[in-house]
Each structure stands twice: as structure tokens, then as C-alpha cells.
Amino acid sequence: MSAARKKQKAEQSRRDQLNARQQALAEQQAAQRRRERRLLAVIVVAVVVVLVGGGIGIQAWRANRAPDAGSVTPGQTSPPVTITAGQPVSWGSAGAPVTVDLYEDFHCPHCAEFEEQFGQTLTDAQAAGQITVRIFPMAFIDAGSMSAANAFACAAEGGFGEAYDTGLFANHTLDWSDTQLTQLTQLAEQVHGSVPDAFAGCVTRRSHEDWVDSVNHAASAAGVTATPTMFLDGKQVDLTTVTPDGLKAQIAEAAEQ
């Protein structure tokens, strides 16, 4: 074999070896990238599981925890109310010059926000003899809404409806469903200091469920399609623009007419 031919074969052998090494390196790098992608996928899945599991856990705790009294002073009482089909629960002086009709759902987060923002304004106006507040507890969000509205009627009948109303909104994330009726009796203990036998039986039997249905019908007849909705002497208040001071001024103006 000629020297040129031998040199050519040696060069080709070197090129083949180089190509083989490059191919092996490329395969190793590709395998490494696949391992990294699998590891990243596992990490992402693990993070998602933790976040979702944590979110579910937090939500479950929010829905199933024991209630607290919120801003209510335990033992706070109000006049017992007679529950009448289609009629609201009313508080305040019968001779008050202004009537406030309030439509809310105890599972409505915007209603809880409304109570936090305007509750004291209404309480002060009621204490000053300016308004009678008429509560229409609707139940359209979920089954817990019905259970809470029924329990509210039981509390109003038992003479601690105002405190219970405040307590329900302070705990509006709770389940309040048939499987969590103990939450409703626990709340009575928080705001009333005890759980009257009549109240516990009323909650368990859902004694005022028909009344809650009748309130829903009354709200529909009044043209109420969302909660919270408030009427001041029959005129709907724009809750998207009014402020606590603005509501106070509207009440004062209506009381002078």
C-alpha cells in the first residue's frame, strides 16, 4: 500500500473516531437534558401539589373551623321577634321616622364587607331613634345560606338576633351546612353566652325554613336581584358610590322630611 493511501486511511480513522466521540458527547448531553426536564417536571408537580393542597387545606379550615363572636359583646340581647311569613325581622323604635330595608345573604362576601363598612352607621342611627332596620335574610348562594338564615330567625325569636346577625357576618366563610349545624349552635354560645334549648331545637328542625323561602319571594317581588341591597324609605341606595358619611347624611335628611 502506498504511503499516500496509508495516510488517507489514518486521516479517515481519526475523523471517524472524532465523529464517534462527538456523537457520544451529543448523546450524553441529550440524556442529561432529558434527566433535567424530568427533574423539573417532578419539581413543578410537587410545587403544584403543595400549593393546591395548601389552598384546599386553608379553605377547608376556613369553612369548618369553630366560629368566634367577632365584635359582639357576649350576652348582648335584643327584643324577641315574632317570625311571620313574608315579613322581615325589624329592630329599632316603632316611631322612628326612617325605615331601612336591608337584603343580605349570610354567605355573601360583599354583604360581609357592607356590614363592616356601614354596620356601625346603621347601629348609631338606630340607637339615636332615627331608623327602623328591617332585615330580609335571603338564601340563594348555597345550602349554608338557608341554614344560617333559619338560625338567624331562631336567634331573633330567642331575643339575641342582632348579636347573632353580626356574628354570622363575622364568620361568613364558615360552611353553615347541614353537616356543620354545630357551628350555628357554637355561634349562639359565643354571642349569647349559652345555647337555649329552644334555639338548638329550632336550628336542628329548621323550623323557619319556610319563612326564609317567603323572604326570598318577598325580595323577588321588591325587584331585588343581588345582595346586599338597601332601601331608604323605599328608595334604593346606590351602594357602589355611597360612603358611611354619605349614608349618615341621607338618613339625617330623610329623618327631617
Protein backbone atom coordinates (compact mmCIF):
# COMPACT_ATOMS: atom_id res chain seq x y z
CA MET A 1 0.00 0.00 0.00
CA SER A 2 1.33 3.40 -0.91
CA ALA A 3 2.31 5.94 1.70
CA ALA A 4 -0.39 8.32 0.43
CA ARG A 5 -3.02 5.61 0.77
CA LYS A 6 -1.90 4.80 4.32
CA LYS A 7 -2.01 8.47 5.25
CA GLN A 8 -5.50 8.78 3.81
CA LYS A 9 -6.73 5.78 5.82
CA ALA A 10 -5.17 7.14 9.01
CA GLU A 11 -6.86 10.52 8.48
CA GLN A 12 -10.19 8.84 7.84
CA SER A 13 -9.76 6.77 11.05
CA ARG A 14 -9.11 9.94 13.04
CA ARG A 15 -12.20 11.58 11.55
CA ASP A 16 -14.30 8.53 12.36
CA GLN A 17 -13.02 8.50 15.95
CA LEU A 18 -13.71 12.23 16.29
CA ASN A 19 -17.23 11.80 14.91
CA ALA A 20 -17.82 8.90 17.27
CA ARG A 21 -16.67 10.95 20.27
CA GLN A 22 -18.83 13.91 19.19
CA GLN A 23 -21.83 11.65 18.73
CA ALA A 24 -21.28 10.06 22.14
CA LEU A 25 -20.97 13.51 23.72
CA ALA A 26 -24.14 14.68 22.00
CA GLU A 27 -25.99 11.63 23.25
CA GLN A 28 -24.73 12.23 26.79
CA GLN A 29 -25.84 15.87 26.64
CA ALA A 30 -29.25 14.88 25.28
CA ALA A 31 -29.65 12.31 28.06
CA GLN A 32 -28.65 14.96 30.63
CA ARG A 33 -31.21 17.38 29.23
CA ARG A 34 -33.91 14.68 29.43
CA ARG A 35 -32.99 13.98 33.07
CA GLU A 36 -33.11 17.70 33.88
CA ARG A 37 -36.52 18.05 32.19
CA ARG A 38 -37.87 15.08 34.13
CA LEU A 39 -36.50 16.52 37.37
CA LEU A 40 -38.02 19.92 36.60
CA ALA A 41 -41.36 18.29 35.83
CA VAL A 42 -41.28 16.44 39.14
CA ILE A 43 -40.44 19.66 40.99
CA VAL A 44 -43.25 21.57 39.24
CA VAL A 45 -45.76 18.83 40.03
CA ALA A 46 -44.63 18.76 43.65
CA VAL A 47 -44.96 22.53 43.97
CA VAL A 48 -48.44 22.46 42.40
CA VAL A 49 -49.50 19.67 44.75
CA VAL A 50 -48.24 21.64 47.74
CA LEU A 51 -49.94 24.84 46.60
CA VAL A 52 -53.23 23.17 45.71
CA GLY A 53 -53.17 21.02 48.82
CA GLY A 54 -52.37 24.04 50.93
CA GLY A 55 -55.14 26.06 49.30
CA ILE A 56 -57.64 23.27 49.83
CA GLY A 57 -56.46 22.88 53.40
CA ILE A 58 -56.82 26.59 54.11
CA GLN A 59 -60.26 26.68 52.51
CA ALA A 60 -61.34 23.62 54.47
CA TRP A 61 -60.14 25.25 57.69
CA ARG A 62 -61.96 28.48 56.83
CA ALA A 63 -65.19 26.58 56.17
CA ASN A 64 -65.08 24.13 59.07
CA ARG A 65 -63.41 25.99 61.94
CA ALA A 66 -65.32 26.99 65.06
CA PRO A 67 -66.91 30.47 64.89
CA ASP A 68 -65.93 33.42 67.01
CA ALA A 69 -68.02 36.30 68.31
CA GLY A 70 -66.32 38.95 66.17
CA SER A 71 -67.16 42.40 67.53
CA VAL A 72 -70.15 41.17 69.55
CA THR A 73 -70.14 41.57 73.32
CA PRO A 74 -71.30 38.18 74.67
CA GLY A 75 -74.74 38.35 76.26
CA GLN A 76 -75.96 41.19 74.04
CA THR A 77 -79.75 40.95 73.76
CA SER A 78 -82.47 42.42 71.58
CA PRO A 79 -86.26 42.29 71.81
CA PRO A 80 -87.67 38.88 70.82
CA VAL A 81 -89.23 38.93 67.36
CA THR A 82 -92.29 37.09 66.09
CA ILE A 83 -91.40 35.35 62.84
CA THR A 84 -94.13 35.97 60.25
CA ALA A 85 -94.22 34.63 56.70
CA GLY A 86 -93.03 37.14 54.12
CA GLN A 87 -92.17 39.73 56.76
CA PRO A 88 -88.68 40.88 57.76
CA VAL A 89 -87.12 40.94 61.20
CA SER A 90 -87.31 44.52 62.47
CA TRP A 91 -85.25 46.39 65.04
CA GLY A 92 -85.43 49.93 66.31
CA SER A 93 -88.11 52.25 67.60
CA ALA A 94 -91.52 51.74 66.04
CA GLY A 95 -91.82 55.52 65.87
CA ALA A 96 -88.56 56.07 64.00
CA PRO A 97 -89.04 58.46 61.06
CA VAL A 98 -86.96 56.43 58.58
CA THR A 99 -87.22 52.80 57.50
CA VAL A 100 -84.17 50.94 56.20
CA ASP A 101 -84.81 47.70 54.32
CA LEU A 102 -81.72 45.53 54.04
CA TYR A 103 -81.49 42.43 51.82
CA GLU A 104 -78.47 40.24 52.51
CA ASP A 105 -77.23 36.65 52.33
CA PHE A 106 -75.15 35.37 55.24
CA HIS A 107 -72.75 33.67 52.81
CA CYS A 108 -72.37 36.77 50.64
CA PRO A 109 -68.81 38.19 50.94
CA HIS A 110 -69.96 41.61 49.69
CA CYS A 111 -72.62 41.62 52.42
CA ALA A 112 -69.92 40.98 55.00
CA GLU A 113 -67.96 43.90 53.53
CA PHE A 114 -71.10 46.06 53.68
CA GLU A 115 -71.61 45.18 57.35
CA GLU A 116 -68.01 46.02 58.14
CA GLN A 117 -68.26 49.36 56.35
CA PHE A 118 -71.79 50.51 57.24
CA GLY A 119 -72.85 48.42 60.23
CA GLN A 120 -71.82 50.98 62.82
CA THR A 121 -73.52 53.80 60.90
CA LEU A 122 -76.82 51.91 60.96
CA THR A 123 -76.37 50.90 64.59
CA ASP A 124 -75.75 54.51 65.62
CA ALA A 125 -78.76 55.78 63.65
CA GLN A 126 -80.93 53.08 65.19
CA ALA A 127 -79.72 53.95 68.70
CA ALA A 128 -80.47 57.61 68.00
CA GLY A 129 -84.07 56.75 67.12
CA GLN A 130 -83.66 57.80 63.50
CA ILE A 131 -84.29 54.48 61.78
CA THR A 132 -86.08 51.18 61.98
CA VAL A 133 -83.99 48.46 60.32
CA ARG A 134 -85.83 45.66 58.55
CA ILE A 135 -83.69 42.61 57.79
CA PHE A 136 -84.54 40.34 54.84
CA PRO A 137 -82.10 37.39 55.09
CA MET A 138 -82.07 35.80 51.64
CA ALA A 139 -80.75 32.32 50.85
CA PHE A 140 -79.63 31.84 47.27
CA ILE A 141 -75.85 31.29 47.35
CA ASP A 142 -75.78 27.73 48.76
CA ALA A 143 -77.31 25.37 51.30
CA GLY A 144 -75.37 27.06 54.08
CA SER A 145 -77.20 30.30 53.33
CA MET A 146 -80.51 28.63 54.17
CA SER A 147 -79.16 27.07 57.37
CA ALA A 148 -77.73 30.39 58.53
CA ALA A 149 -80.90 32.35 57.70
CA ASN A 150 -83.01 29.79 59.55
CA ALA A 151 -80.69 30.01 62.59
CA PHE A 152 -80.89 33.80 62.44
CA ALA A 153 -84.68 33.59 62.68
CA CYS A 154 -84.31 31.22 65.63
CA ALA A 155 -81.98 33.69 67.35
CA ALA A 156 -84.29 36.66 66.62
CA GLU A 157 -87.15 34.70 68.10
CA GLY A 158 -85.00 33.97 71.14
CA GLY A 159 -84.04 37.59 71.79
CA PHE A 160 -80.45 37.74 70.51
CA GLY A 161 -81.00 38.24 66.79
CA GLU A 162 -78.94 41.42 66.41
CA ALA A 163 -75.86 39.90 68.03
CA TYR A 164 -76.31 36.70 66.01
CA ASP A 165 -76.64 38.69 62.79
CA THR A 166 -73.33 40.40 63.48
CA GLY A 167 -71.73 37.08 64.39
CA LEU A 168 -72.91 35.39 61.19
CA PHE A 169 -71.30 38.05 59.02
CA ALA A 170 -68.12 37.99 61.11
CA ASN A 171 -67.88 34.28 60.20
CA HIS A 172 -69.30 34.37 56.68
CA THR A 173 -66.69 31.91 55.33
CA LEU A 174 -67.98 29.10 57.55
CA ASP A 175 -69.88 26.22 56.00
CA TRP A 176 -73.16 26.55 57.96
CA SER A 177 -74.45 23.47 56.08
CA ASP A 178 -76.49 20.56 57.46
CA THR A 179 -73.25 18.74 58.27
CA GLN A 180 -71.97 21.76 60.20
CA LEU A 181 -75.03 22.74 62.26
CA THR A 182 -72.81 22.64 65.35
CA GLN A 183 -71.18 25.82 64.05
CA LEU A 184 -74.54 27.58 64.34
CA THR A 185 -75.05 26.48 67.95
CA GLN A 186 -71.42 27.30 68.76
CA LEU A 187 -72.00 30.81 67.45
CA ALA A 188 -75.04 31.17 69.72
CA GLU A 189 -72.81 30.30 72.67
CA GLN A 190 -70.21 32.82 71.50
CA VAL A 191 -72.61 35.77 71.16
CA HIS A 192 -75.25 34.87 73.74
CA GLY A 193 -73.22 33.14 76.41
CA SER A 194 -75.31 29.97 76.19
CA VAL A 195 -77.32 27.87 73.75
CA PRO A 196 -81.01 27.96 74.70
CA ASP A 197 -82.77 24.61 74.22
CA ALA A 198 -85.43 26.28 72.09
CA PHE A 199 -82.76 27.69 69.78
CA ALA A 200 -80.92 24.39 69.38
CA GLY A 201 -84.16 22.59 68.53
CA CYS A 202 -85.18 25.34 66.11
CA VAL A 203 -81.86 25.03 64.27
CA THR A 204 -81.95 21.24 64.13
CA ARG A 205 -85.57 21.10 62.92
CA ARG A 206 -85.02 24.01 60.52
CA SER A 207 -88.22 25.44 61.94
CA HIS A 208 -88.12 28.66 59.89
CA GLU A 209 -87.08 27.29 56.52
CA ASP A 210 -90.49 28.18 55.04
CA TRP A 211 -90.06 31.71 56.36
CA VAL A 212 -86.70 32.03 54.63
CA ASP A 213 -88.37 30.91 51.38
CA SER A 214 -91.07 33.51 51.90
CA VAL A 215 -88.42 36.20 52.38
CA ASN A 216 -86.81 35.16 49.09
CA HIS A 217 -90.19 35.58 47.39
CA ALA A 218 -90.69 38.99 49.06
CA ALA A 219 -87.24 40.09 47.84
CA SER A 220 -88.07 38.99 44.30
CA ALA A 221 -91.36 40.91 44.45
CA ALA A 222 -89.41 44.00 45.55
CA GLY A 223 -87.17 43.69 42.49
CA VAL A 224 -84.09 42.64 44.47
CA THR A 225 -81.68 40.71 42.27
CA ALA A 226 -78.42 40.98 44.23
CA THR A 227 -77.12 41.26 47.75
CA PRO A 228 -76.51 43.48 49.54
CA THR A 229 -79.40 45.74 48.53
CA MET A 230 -80.64 48.59 50.72
CA PHE A 231 -83.70 50.81 50.52
CA LEU A 232 -84.09 54.03 52.47
CA ASP A 233 -87.81 54.82 52.86
CA GLY A 234 -88.46 52.77 49.73
CA LYS A 235 -85.71 54.38 47.65
CA GLN A 236 -82.78 52.15 46.71
CA VAL A 237 -79.39 53.37 47.89
CA ASP A 238 -76.50 53.14 45.41
CA LEU A 239 -74.04 51.07 47.42
CA THR A 240 -71.36 51.43 44.74
CA THR A 241 -70.92 55.14 45.46
CA VAL A 242 -72.23 55.86 48.95
CA THR A 243 -69.86 56.25 51.90
CA PRO A 244 -70.60 55.87 55.62
CA ASP A 245 -70.73 59.67 55.95
CA GLY A 246 -72.90 59.87 52.85
CA LEU A 247 -75.33 57.30 54.27
CA LYS A 248 -75.40 59.15 57.57
CA ALA A 249 -76.29 62.35 55.70
CA GLN A 250 -79.04 60.59 53.70
CA ILE A 251 -80.56 59.23 56.90
CA ALA A 252 -80.46 62.64 58.56
CA GLU A 253 -82.05 64.28 55.54
CA ALA A 254 -84.81 61.67 55.35
CA ALA A 255 -85.49 61.99 59.10
CA GLU A 256 -86.08 65.72 58.74
CA GLN A 257 -88.65 65.38 55.97
